[in-house]
């Protein structure tokens, strides 16, 4: 599939997730440009090395043309009672060696964060809500 714009160049940093590891692109997708559904279900590791959940969904900022949030599913058992957290995309680090995402927050911080459940999503386009979700953004 060819890009819509002939001048398209993959992002080299800035507002996206960082990538660590030895994997390089072999002419196909990844790791700098990947299908969203290949990331769903990837585990998320906290800064203290704990498996804190998995990527449940990816939210797009349609007007801005970017990924806004990854929805992290944590807690619960077999999908029951999971708490969902919206994590800004740029707060995640894709670890290609371990095939997971890393988040610079401790397990305790993630577990104590207020989240939402699958039947009661917040108004993610609301700027007031966004300020709370931005707690995971890395410092500039």
Protein backbone atom coordinates (compact mmCIF):
# COMPACT_ATOMS: atom_id res chain seq x y z
CA UNK A 1 0.00 0.00 0.00
CA UNK A 2 1.45 3.38 -0.95
CA UNK A 3 1.05 6.46 1.23
CA UNK A 4 -1.55 9.05 0.22
CA UNK A 5 1.04 11.80 0.15
CA UNK A 6 4.19 11.22 -1.93
CA UNK A 7 6.14 13.31 0.59
CA UNK A 8 5.18 11.10 3.56
CA UNK A 9 8.04 10.37 5.93
CA UNK A 10 7.58 8.39 9.17
CA UNK A 11 7.96 10.49 12.30
CA UNK A 12 11.44 10.50 13.77
CA UNK A 13 10.31 11.48 17.24
CA UNK A 14 8.44 14.27 18.91
CA UNK A 15 4.90 13.45 19.92
CA UNK A 16 4.80 9.69 19.39
CA UNK A 17 5.74 6.68 21.47
CA UNK A 18 9.46 6.06 21.77
CA UNK A 19 10.90 2.79 20.46
CA UNK A 20 13.67 0.81 22.13
CA UNK A 21 15.23 -2.51 21.21
CA UNK A 22 17.17 -4.03 18.37
CA UNK A 23 14.32 -4.61 15.90
CA UNK A 24 14.48 -2.65 12.68
CA UNK A 25 12.12 -2.41 9.76
CA UNK A 26 12.63 -5.15 7.18
CA UNK A 27 10.68 -3.45 4.41
CA UNK A 28 7.27 -4.28 5.87
CA UNK A 29 5.32 -2.87 8.77
CA UNK A 30 7.09 -2.19 12.06
CA UNK A 31 8.35 -1.03 14.34
CA UNK A 32 8.02 2.66 13.30
CA UNK A 33 4.81 2.12 11.32
CA UNK A 34 2.51 -0.68 12.45
CA UNK A 35 -1.06 -1.87 12.09
CA UNK A 36 -3.02 -0.78 15.16
CA UNK A 37 -4.61 -4.19 15.69
CA UNK A 38 -1.16 -5.80 16.08
CA UNK A 39 -0.67 -3.67 19.21
CA UNK A 40 -3.99 -4.58 20.86
CA UNK A 41 -3.31 -7.08 23.63
CA UNK A 42 0.36 -6.12 24.06
CA UNK A 43 1.37 -6.19 27.70
CA UNK A 44 2.37 -3.02 29.55
CA UNK A 45 5.24 -3.07 32.05
CA UNK A 46 5.55 -0.47 34.83
CA UNK A 47 8.76 1.37 35.72
CA UNK A 48 9.28 -1.11 38.58
CA UNK A 49 9.13 -4.06 36.16
CA UNK A 50 5.60 -5.29 36.91
CA UNK A 51 3.13 -6.50 34.29
CA UNK A 52 0.31 -4.01 34.91
CA UNK A 53 -2.06 -4.84 32.08
CA UNK A 54 -2.47 -4.77 28.33
CA UNK A 55 -3.35 -2.40 25.52
CA UNK A 56 -7.10 -2.76 25.17
CA UNK A 57 -7.70 -0.13 22.49
CA UNK A 58 -6.15 2.82 20.69
CA UNK A 59 -8.01 6.14 20.54
CA UNK A 60 -7.51 8.40 17.54
CA UNK A 61 -7.69 12.18 17.55
CA UNK A 62 -9.50 12.33 14.22
CA UNK A 63 -9.29 16.11 13.82
CA UNK A 64 -5.65 16.27 14.86
CA UNK A 65 -4.61 13.26 12.79
CA UNK A 66 -2.74 11.52 15.59
CA UNK A 67 -3.04 8.79 18.19
CA UNK A 68 -4.42 10.41 21.32
CA UNK A 69 -4.48 7.63 23.92
CA UNK A 70 -3.85 3.99 24.47
CA UNK A 71 -6.51 2.39 26.63
CA UNK A 72 -4.79 0.26 29.25
CA UNK A 73 -6.79 -2.60 30.77
CA UNK A 74 -5.58 -3.57 34.22
CA UNK A 75 -6.81 -5.62 37.16
CA UNK A 76 -9.73 -7.99 36.99
CA UNK A 77 -9.71 -11.63 36.04
CA UNK A 78 -10.36 -13.08 32.57
CA UNK A 79 -11.70 -9.73 31.38
CA UNK A 80 -14.11 -9.34 34.31
CA UNK A 81 -13.71 -6.31 36.56
CA UNK A 82 -10.95 -4.74 34.51
CA UNK A 83 -10.24 -1.07 35.12
CA UNK A 84 -9.50 0.95 32.01
CA UNK A 85 -7.03 3.85 31.97
CA UNK A 86 -6.37 6.30 29.16
CA UNK A 87 -2.63 6.74 28.75
CA UNK A 88 -1.31 9.42 26.37
CA UNK A 89 0.39 7.70 23.44
CA UNK A 90 3.63 9.63 23.93
CA UNK A 91 3.92 8.27 27.50
CA UNK A 92 4.47 4.74 26.14
CA UNK A 93 7.75 3.16 25.09
CA UNK A 94 7.59 0.27 22.61
CA UNK A 95 10.16 -2.35 23.63
CA UNK A 96 10.76 -4.42 20.51
CA UNK A 97 13.06 -6.89 22.28
CA UNK A 98 10.49 -7.79 24.94
CA UNK A 99 7.49 -7.26 22.63
CA UNK A 100 5.71 -5.02 25.14
CA UNK A 101 5.11 -1.41 26.05
CA UNK A 102 6.79 0.28 29.00
CA UNK A 103 5.22 3.05 31.05
CA UNK A 104 7.20 5.35 33.35
CA UNK A 105 4.89 4.90 36.34
CA UNK A 106 5.05 2.47 39.23
CA UNK A 107 2.62 -0.41 39.65
CA UNK A 108 1.15 1.31 42.74
CA UNK A 109 0.56 4.56 40.86
CA UNK A 110 -1.18 2.73 38.03
CA UNK A 111 -3.33 0.61 40.37
CA UNK A 112 -4.37 3.67 42.41
CA UNK A 113 -5.24 5.80 39.37
CA UNK A 114 -8.90 6.49 38.79
CA UNK A 115 -10.09 4.79 35.67
CA UNK A 116 -13.35 3.82 34.03
CA UNK A 117 -15.10 0.63 33.05
CA UNK A 118 -16.04 -0.65 29.60
CA UNK A 119 -19.66 0.44 30.01
CA UNK A 120 -18.95 3.99 31.24
CA UNK A 121 -16.39 5.72 29.03
CA UNK A 122 -15.52 9.35 29.81
CA UNK A 123 -15.94 12.19 27.29
CA UNK A 124 -12.39 11.90 25.97
CA UNK A 125 -12.70 15.01 23.79
CA UNK A 126 -13.44 17.12 26.91
CA UNK A 127 -10.33 19.16 27.81
CA UNK A 128 -11.10 18.90 31.56
CA UNK A 129 -11.00 15.11 31.31
CA UNK A 130 -7.82 15.27 29.22
CA UNK A 131 -5.91 17.13 31.93
CA UNK A 132 -6.40 14.20 34.31
CA UNK A 133 -5.38 11.64 31.71
CA UNK A 134 -2.21 13.60 30.96
CA UNK A 135 -0.71 12.58 34.32
CA UNK A 136 1.38 9.94 32.54
CA UNK A 137 2.90 12.27 29.94
CA UNK A 138 6.68 12.41 30.16
CA UNK A 139 8.21 15.77 31.11
CA UNK A 140 9.36 17.90 28.18
